[in-house]
Protein backbone atom coordinates (compact mmCIF):
# COMPACT_ATOMS: atom_id res chain seq x y z
CA UNK A 1 42.97 35.01 -81.94
CA UNK A 2 39.28 34.28 -81.83
CA UNK A 3 36.45 35.96 -79.95
CA UNK A 4 32.67 36.23 -79.89
CA UNK A 5 31.39 39.68 -80.80
CA UNK A 6 28.10 39.19 -78.93
CA UNK A 7 29.12 36.83 -76.15
CA UNK A 8 25.87 37.37 -74.25
CA UNK A 9 23.99 35.25 -76.77
CA UNK A 10 25.96 32.18 -75.60
CA UNK A 11 23.86 32.10 -72.44
CA UNK A 12 20.98 31.04 -74.69
CA UNK A 13 22.74 27.67 -75.10
CA UNK A 14 21.13 26.77 -71.77
CA UNK A 15 17.88 26.49 -73.74
CA UNK A 16 19.05 23.26 -75.39
CA UNK A 17 19.26 21.05 -72.25
CA UNK A 18 15.98 22.65 -71.13
CA UNK A 19 14.35 21.61 -74.43
CA UNK A 20 15.71 18.07 -74.03
CA UNK A 21 14.01 17.81 -70.65
CA UNK A 22 10.76 19.21 -72.07
CA UNK A 23 10.91 16.72 -74.96
CA UNK A 24 11.53 13.80 -72.59
CA UNK A 25 8.61 14.91 -70.38
CA UNK A 26 6.31 15.34 -73.42
CA UNK A 27 7.15 11.83 -74.67
CA UNK A 28 6.33 10.38 -71.25
CA UNK A 29 2.99 12.18 -71.25
CA UNK A 30 2.28 10.95 -74.77
CA UNK A 31 3.02 7.34 -73.80
CA UNK A 32 0.87 7.68 -70.68
CA UNK A 33 -2.00 9.05 -72.77
CA UNK A 34 -1.75 6.18 -75.26
CA UNK A 35 -1.83 3.61 -72.46
CA UNK A 36 -5.00 5.21 -71.11
CA UNK A 37 -6.79 4.48 -74.42
CA UNK A 38 -6.19 0.75 -74.31
CA UNK A 39 -3.66 -1.95 -75.14
CA UNK A 40 -0.44 -0.30 -76.31
CA UNK A 41 0.48 -3.03 -78.83
CA UNK A 42 -2.97 -2.79 -80.43
CA UNK A 43 -2.65 0.99 -80.75
CA UNK A 44 0.75 0.59 -82.37
CA UNK A 45 -0.73 -1.73 -84.98
CA UNK A 46 -3.41 0.87 -85.77
CA UNK A 47 -0.78 3.56 -86.39
CA UNK A 48 1.79 1.27 -87.96
CA UNK A 49 2.62 3.77 -90.70
CA UNK A 50 4.04 6.21 -88.12
CA UNK A 51 7.80 5.95 -87.67
CA UNK A 52 9.00 5.09 -84.20
CA UNK A 53 12.18 7.17 -84.40
CA UNK A 54 11.62 9.96 -86.93
CA UNK A 55 10.11 12.34 -84.37
CA UNK A 56 13.30 11.94 -82.33
CA UNK A 57 15.42 12.61 -85.42
CA UNK A 58 13.36 15.73 -86.16
CA UNK A 59 13.88 16.95 -82.59
CA UNK A 60 17.66 16.38 -82.83
CA UNK A 61 17.78 18.27 -86.13
CA UNK A 62 15.80 21.18 -84.66
CA UNK A 63 18.06 21.29 -81.58
CA UNK A 64 21.17 21.25 -83.78
CA UNK A 65 19.73 24.12 -85.83
CA UNK A 66 19.05 26.11 -82.65
CA UNK A 67 22.61 25.45 -81.46
CA UNK A 68 24.12 26.85 -84.65
CA UNK A 69 21.70 29.80 -84.73
CA UNK A 70 22.85 30.81 -81.25
CA UNK A 71 26.52 30.53 -82.29
CA UNK A 72 25.71 32.57 -85.39
CA UNK A 73 24.10 35.31 -83.32
CA UNK A 74 27.12 35.36 -80.99
CA UNK A 75 29.24 35.89 -84.15
CA UNK A 76 32.56 34.12 -83.86
CA UNK A 77 35.33 36.41 -85.12
CA UNK A 78 38.87 35.48 -86.15
CA UNK A 79 41.71 37.99 -85.90
CA UNK A 80 43.03 38.79 -89.36
CA UNK A 81 45.48 41.64 -88.81
CA UNK A 82 48.13 41.70 -86.10
CA UNK A 83 49.82 45.00 -85.30
CA UNK A 84 52.31 46.20 -82.72
CA UNK A 85 50.92 49.08 -80.70
CA UNK A 86 52.49 51.31 -78.06
CA UNK A 87 50.76 51.58 -74.69
CA UNK A 88 51.34 53.45 -71.46
CA UNK A 89 50.26 51.81 -68.27
CA UNK A 90 51.28 49.79 -65.24
CA UNK A 91 51.52 46.08 -64.56
CA UNK A 92 48.80 44.83 -62.20
CA UNK A 93 48.99 41.39 -60.66
CA UNK A 94 45.97 40.21 -58.67
CA UNK A 95 46.42 37.46 -56.09
CA UNK A 96 43.08 35.87 -55.22
CA UNK A 97 42.57 33.66 -52.19
CA UNK A 98 40.67 30.48 -53.14
CA UNK A 99 40.82 28.67 -49.80
CA UNK A 100 37.65 27.08 -48.46
CA UNK A 101 37.11 29.94 -46.02
CA UNK A 102 36.39 32.18 -49.04
CA UNK A 103 33.05 30.39 -49.45
CA UNK A 104 31.79 32.02 -46.24
CA UNK A 105 28.69 34.10 -46.87
CA UNK A 106 29.25 37.13 -44.63
CA UNK A 107 29.66 39.02 -47.93
CA UNK A 108 27.02 38.18 -50.53
CA UNK A 109 26.84 35.91 -52.41
CA UNK A 110 30.05 34.73 -50.73
CA UNK A 111 33.57 36.06 -50.28
CA UNK A 112 35.02 34.45 -53.40
CA UNK A 113 32.19 35.32 -55.78
CA UNK A 114 32.09 38.89 -54.49
CA UNK A 115 35.85 39.20 -55.08
CA UNK A 116 35.51 37.83 -58.62
CA UNK A 117 32.75 40.33 -59.37
CA UNK A 118 34.95 43.18 -58.15
CA UNK A 119 37.89 42.01 -60.25
CA UNK A 120 35.66 41.77 -63.31
CA UNK A 121 34.51 45.36 -62.84
CA UNK A 122 38.12 46.47 -62.37
CA UNK A 123 39.10 44.82 -65.66
CA UNK A 124 36.25 46.66 -67.40
CA UNK A 125 37.75 49.97 -66.28
CA UNK A 126 41.34 49.28 -67.29
CA UNK A 127 42.64 50.80 -70.52
CA UNK A 128 46.34 50.40 -71.25
CA UNK A 129 47.49 48.43 -68.22
CA UNK A 130 48.57 44.81 -68.27
CA UNK A 131 46.91 42.42 -65.86
CA UNK A 132 47.87 39.04 -64.45
CA UNK A 133 46.19 36.63 -62.07
CA UNK A 134 47.46 34.39 -59.29
CA UNK A 135 45.35 32.06 -57.16
CA UNK A 136 46.54 30.76 -53.82
CA UNK A 137 45.54 28.39 -51.07
CA UNK A 138 48.22 26.36 -49.32
CA UNK A 139 50.50 27.41 -52.20
CA UNK A 140 50.31 29.96 -55.03
CA UNK A 141 49.79 29.29 -58.74
CA UNK A 142 50.09 31.60 -61.73
CA UNK A 143 46.85 31.42 -63.71
CA UNK A 144 47.41 34.27 -66.15
CA UNK A 145 50.75 35.93 -66.97
CA UNK A 146 50.70 39.69 -67.48
CA UNK A 147 48.68 40.49 -70.59
CA UNK A 148 46.71 43.35 -72.18
CA UNK A 149 44.05 40.82 -73.23
CA UNK A 150 41.20 41.71 -70.89
CA UNK A 151 38.77 39.28 -72.54
CA UNK A 152 41.06 36.35 -71.73
CA UNK A 153 41.42 37.61 -68.16
CA UNK A 154 37.65 37.74 -67.63
CA UNK A 155 37.14 34.34 -69.23
CA UNK A 156 39.73 32.73 -66.97
CA UNK A 157 38.38 34.58 -63.92
CA UNK A 158 34.94 33.04 -64.46
CA UNK A 159 36.37 29.51 -64.11
CA UNK A 160 38.03 30.03 -60.72
CA UNK A 161 36.67 28.20 -57.67
CA UNK A 162 37.97 26.68 -54.45
CA UNK A 163 38.73 23.36 -56.16
CA UNK A 164 41.33 24.91 -58.45
CA UNK A 165 44.19 24.45 -55.95
CA UNK A 166 45.29 21.00 -54.72
CA UNK A 167 46.33 22.14 -51.23
CA UNK A 168 44.14 24.19 -48.92
CA UNK A 169 45.47 26.95 -46.66
CA UNK A 170 46.23 30.65 -47.02
CA UNK A 171 49.84 31.14 -48.11
CA UNK A 172 49.87 34.91 -48.69
CA UNK A 173 53.67 35.06 -48.59
CA UNK A 174 53.89 32.45 -51.36
CA UNK A 175 51.51 34.54 -53.48
CA UNK A 176 53.64 37.66 -53.00
CA UNK A 177 56.82 35.76 -53.85
CA UNK A 178 55.29 34.31 -57.03
CA UNK A 179 53.96 37.71 -58.08
CA UNK A 180 57.42 39.25 -57.67
CA UNK A 181 58.84 36.63 -60.05
CA UNK A 182 56.02 37.14 -62.55
CA UNK A 183 56.51 40.85 -63.20
CA UNK A 184 58.24 41.68 -66.46
CA UNK A 185 61.21 44.04 -66.61
CA UNK A 186 63.80 45.12 -64.09
CA UNK A 187 62.43 48.60 -63.31
CA UNK A 188 61.66 49.24 -59.68
CA UNK A 189 58.36 50.93 -60.45
CA UNK A 190 55.18 50.54 -62.54
CA UNK A 191 54.23 47.38 -60.59
CA UNK A 192 51.17 46.75 -58.43
CA UNK A 193 50.08 43.66 -56.53
CA UNK A 194 46.51 43.47 -55.22
CA UNK A 195 45.92 40.71 -52.66
CA UNK A 196 42.28 39.75 -52.06
CA UNK A 197 41.89 37.44 -49.07
CA UNK A 198 40.32 36.95 -45.66
CA UNK A 199 43.85 37.14 -44.28
CA UNK A 200 43.95 33.98 -42.18
CA UNK A 201 47.59 33.35 -43.01
CA UNK A 202 49.13 30.35 -41.30
CA UNK A 203 51.66 29.24 -43.90
CA UNK A 204 54.51 31.76 -44.14
CA UNK A 205 55.86 35.22 -43.30
CA UNK A 206 53.79 37.45 -45.59
CA UNK A 207 55.03 40.70 -44.02
CA UNK A 208 58.66 39.90 -44.84
CA UNK A 209 57.68 38.96 -48.41
CA UNK A 210 55.79 42.26 -48.75
CA UNK A 211 58.90 44.17 -47.65
CA UNK A 212 60.98 42.27 -50.21
CA UNK A 213 58.43 43.10 -52.91
CA UNK A 214 58.47 46.78 -51.94
CA UNK A 215 62.27 46.82 -52.23
CA UNK A 216 61.76 45.66 -55.85
CA UNK A 217 59.42 48.58 -56.51
CA UNK A 218 56.18 46.57 -56.19
CA UNK A 219 53.33 48.32 -54.41
CA UNK A 220 51.29 45.82 -52.41
CA UNK A 221 47.62 46.59 -51.72
CA UNK A 222 45.38 44.31 -49.67
CA UNK A 223 41.61 43.87 -49.63
CA UNK A 224 40.11 42.06 -46.67
CA UNK A 225 37.13 39.82 -47.34
CA UNK A 226 34.79 38.94 -44.49
CA UNK A 227 33.76 39.77 -40.96
CA UNK A 228 36.05 40.28 -37.98
CA UNK A 229 33.37 38.63 -35.81
CA UNK A 230 33.65 35.32 -37.63
CA UNK A 231 31.24 33.25 -39.66
CA UNK A 232 30.87 29.49 -40.38
CA UNK A 233 32.24 27.88 -43.55
CA UNK A 234 29.52 26.14 -45.61
CA UNK A 235 30.02 22.53 -46.70
CA UNK A 236 28.52 21.49 -50.02
CA UNK A 237 27.68 18.14 -51.62
CA UNK A 238 26.52 18.07 -55.25
CA UNK A 239 26.10 21.87 -55.11
CA UNK A 240 23.75 21.62 -52.13
CA UNK A 241 24.74 22.94 -48.72
CA UNK A 242 24.74 20.09 -46.21
CA UNK A 243 26.02 21.93 -43.17
CA UNK A 244 29.07 23.79 -41.91
CA UNK A 245 32.69 22.82 -41.44
CA UNK A 246 33.38 21.39 -38.00
CA UNK A 247 36.39 20.45 -35.92
CA UNK A 248 37.13 16.86 -34.92
CA UNK A 249 35.30 17.39 -31.64
CA UNK A 250 32.17 18.61 -33.44
CA UNK A 251 32.50 22.37 -32.95
CA UNK A 252 31.62 24.65 -35.86
CA UNK A 253 34.68 26.30 -37.43
CA UNK A 254 34.48 30.10 -37.64
CA UNK A 255 36.51 32.04 -40.19
CA UNK A 256 37.47 35.59 -39.19
CA UNK A 257 38.95 38.43 -41.18
CA UNK A 258 42.50 39.17 -40.00
CA UNK A 259 42.45 42.94 -40.50
CA UNK A 260 45.56 43.59 -38.44
CA UNK A 261 47.63 41.18 -40.52
CA UNK A 262 46.44 42.60 -43.83
CA UNK A 263 47.11 46.16 -42.66
CA UNK A 264 50.67 45.16 -41.75
CA UNK A 265 51.19 43.54 -45.16
CA UNK A 266 49.91 46.67 -46.95
CA UNK A 267 52.10 48.93 -44.81
CA UNK A 268 55.15 46.77 -45.50
CA UNK A 269 54.35 46.91 -49.24
CA UNK A 270 53.82 50.71 -49.32
CA UNK A 271 50.20 50.12 -50.26
CA UNK A 272 46.75 50.55 -48.72
CA UNK A 273 44.43 48.17 -46.93
CA UNK A 274 40.68 48.24 -47.61
CA UNK A 275 37.98 46.13 -46.02
CA UNK A 276 35.44 44.71 -48.46
CA UNK A 277 31.72 45.37 -48.08
CA UNK A 278 28.56 44.35 -49.92
CA UNK A 279 28.82 47.61 -51.91
CA UNK A 280 31.73 46.03 -53.81
CA UNK A 281 33.46 49.37 -54.45
CA UNK A 282 36.79 48.67 -52.76
CA UNK A 283 38.77 48.39 -55.99
CA UNK A 284 37.63 51.91 -56.92
CA UNK A 285 39.96 53.29 -54.26
CA UNK A 286 42.85 51.15 -55.46
CA UNK A 287 42.11 52.11 -59.07
CA UNK A 288 42.56 55.76 -58.11
CA UNK A 289 45.92 54.88 -56.55
CA UNK A 290 46.92 53.11 -59.77
CA UNK A 291 45.76 56.02 -61.95
CA UNK A 292 48.03 58.37 -60.00
CA UNK A 293 51.10 56.19 -60.60
CA UNK A 294 53.79 56.90 -63.15
CA UNK A 295 53.15 54.92 -66.33
CA UNK A 296 55.62 53.09 -68.54
CA UNK A 297 55.52 52.63 -72.30
CA UNK A 298 55.51 49.12 -73.68
CA UNK A 299 54.76 47.49 -77.00
CA UNK A 300 52.31 44.69 -77.52
CA UNK A 301 50.97 42.86 -80.52
CA UNK A 302 47.19 43.01 -80.81
CA UNK A 303 44.65 42.05 -83.43
CA UNK A 304 43.20 45.24 -84.89
CA UNK A 305 40.89 43.64 -87.46
CA UNK A 306 38.57 40.66 -87.17
CA UNK A 307 36.66 38.67 -89.77
CA UNK A 308 33.10 37.46 -89.07
CA UNK A 309 32.32 33.75 -89.17
CA UNK A 310 28.60 33.87 -88.30
CA UNK A 311 27.59 32.92 -91.85
CA UNK A 312 29.02 29.40 -91.47
CA UNK A 313 26.96 28.70 -88.36
CA UNK A 314 23.80 30.08 -89.92
CA UNK A 315 24.49 27.94 -92.98
CA UNK A 316 24.63 24.80 -90.83
CA UNK A 317 21.42 25.88 -89.09
CA UNK A 318 19.65 26.33 -92.44
CA UNK A 319 20.88 22.90 -93.56
CA UNK A 320 19.47 21.14 -90.49
CA UNK A 321 16.19 23.08 -90.66
CA UNK A 322 15.76 22.13 -94.31
CA UNK A 323 16.22 18.42 -93.55
CA UNK A 324 13.84 18.67 -90.59
CA UNK A 325 11.19 20.42 -92.73
CA UNK A 326 11.15 17.75 -95.42
CA UNK A 327 11.45 14.79 -93.06
CA UNK A 328 8.06 13.16 -92.56
CA UNK A 329 7.17 11.31 -89.38
CA UNK A 330 5.57 8.55 -91.47
CA UNK A 331 7.50 5.43 -92.41
CA UNK A 332 9.16 5.29 -95.81
CA UNK A 333 7.44 2.38 -97.59
CA UNK A 334 10.56 1.42 -99.54
CA UNK A 335 12.91 1.57 -96.52
CA UNK A 336 10.42 -0.28 -94.33
CA UNK A 337 10.93 -3.38 -96.49
CA UNK A 338 14.45 -3.63 -95.15
CA UNK A 339 15.47 -4.42 -91.63
CA UNK A 340 18.64 -3.25 -89.87
CA UNK A 341 20.59 -6.27 -91.11
CA UNK A 342 19.83 -5.69 -94.78
CA UNK A 343 17.43 -8.63 -95.17
CA UNK A 344 14.44 -8.14 -97.48
CA UNK A 345 11.11 -8.81 -95.77
CA UNK A 346 8.93 -11.37 -97.57
C-alpha cells in the first residue's frame, strides 16, 4: 500500500507545463530580439562559443529537479506493517448517475460535479463504515467494491465523468440490482444504498428493484439532482461549450428532475428522498440516518505503519541540480572537435 502524506503538494506539478510554455515563449522573444539586431547567421558566428543546446539541457535538468522536489514534499509513503483490526460500522454503497443530463448546470458547477463534491465530504466524515461506488447510465458498473480505504474511494471518485460508461441512459433499477449483489454477507441489515441522480429513469422498473433490495435488508435513499422546471443539457467540444443538446427537429432538450419517481423509490426501499440544492448539505441528513443504524463488527487488514520515501526524490533533485549548476552554456572545446558521427574535424 502506498500513499502520499501531503497530497496537496502534487497540485504544484502543474507548474512544470507552465514553465515549459514560459521557456518556449522566452526563446521566441530571444530569437526575435536577435533578428532585430541584424543578420542571424552573422550574429551566430560572433557568439560561436555559445552552445546551441546546452541552455535547453539546463532547463530540462532544472525542470526534472523541480519535479522530484515536489514529489519529495508530497512524501510518498509505503505501508510496512499490516494488521487486522476490528471495526463497527455499516456498508454504504453509493450509486452515482453519470448520464449526460448530469452535466446540466441548474446546480453549480453542474449536477455531476456537485454530487461528487458531496460524496467527497461524506467520505471525510465516515469513520468505521465500508464504502463502495457504482456508476450508471444505460447500465450499471461497479467501480469500487466495499472497502474501508477512504483514500482510494476519493481518488477513484475524482476520475469519474460522463464518458466513463459506454451506454447513455438512466438505468436506476440496474444500479439497485448491482448494489444488492455487491453487498458482503447474508445479514438483512447493516446495508445502505444511496442513489444520486436526476431520476429520469427510462430503462427499467426501479421501484420493484427497490422493494427487492428492501426485502434483503438494504435501505435505499435517493438524492434528486436538478430542477423540476427543466434545464438544457450543455454540449462540449474540446472542453468548450458549443451549445445545447437538441432533438432531431432542432428543439432544445430539457432535463427535469423526476421527484415523484425518486420519492417512490425511496419509499419502496424504506429510505428517505432529499432534493439537492447549491448548499450541498443533503448527505448530512442521510449521514444522521446512517449514524442511527445498528452497526456490525467486521475485521479488515489495514496498514498501521508507513515508511517515508521522500529522501529518494530529494536525492534525485539534488543530483539534477548539481549537474545543472556545473553545466556551462559555452561549448566544450574538446567535444566541439567531434561531430555527431564521430568524425574528427580537420
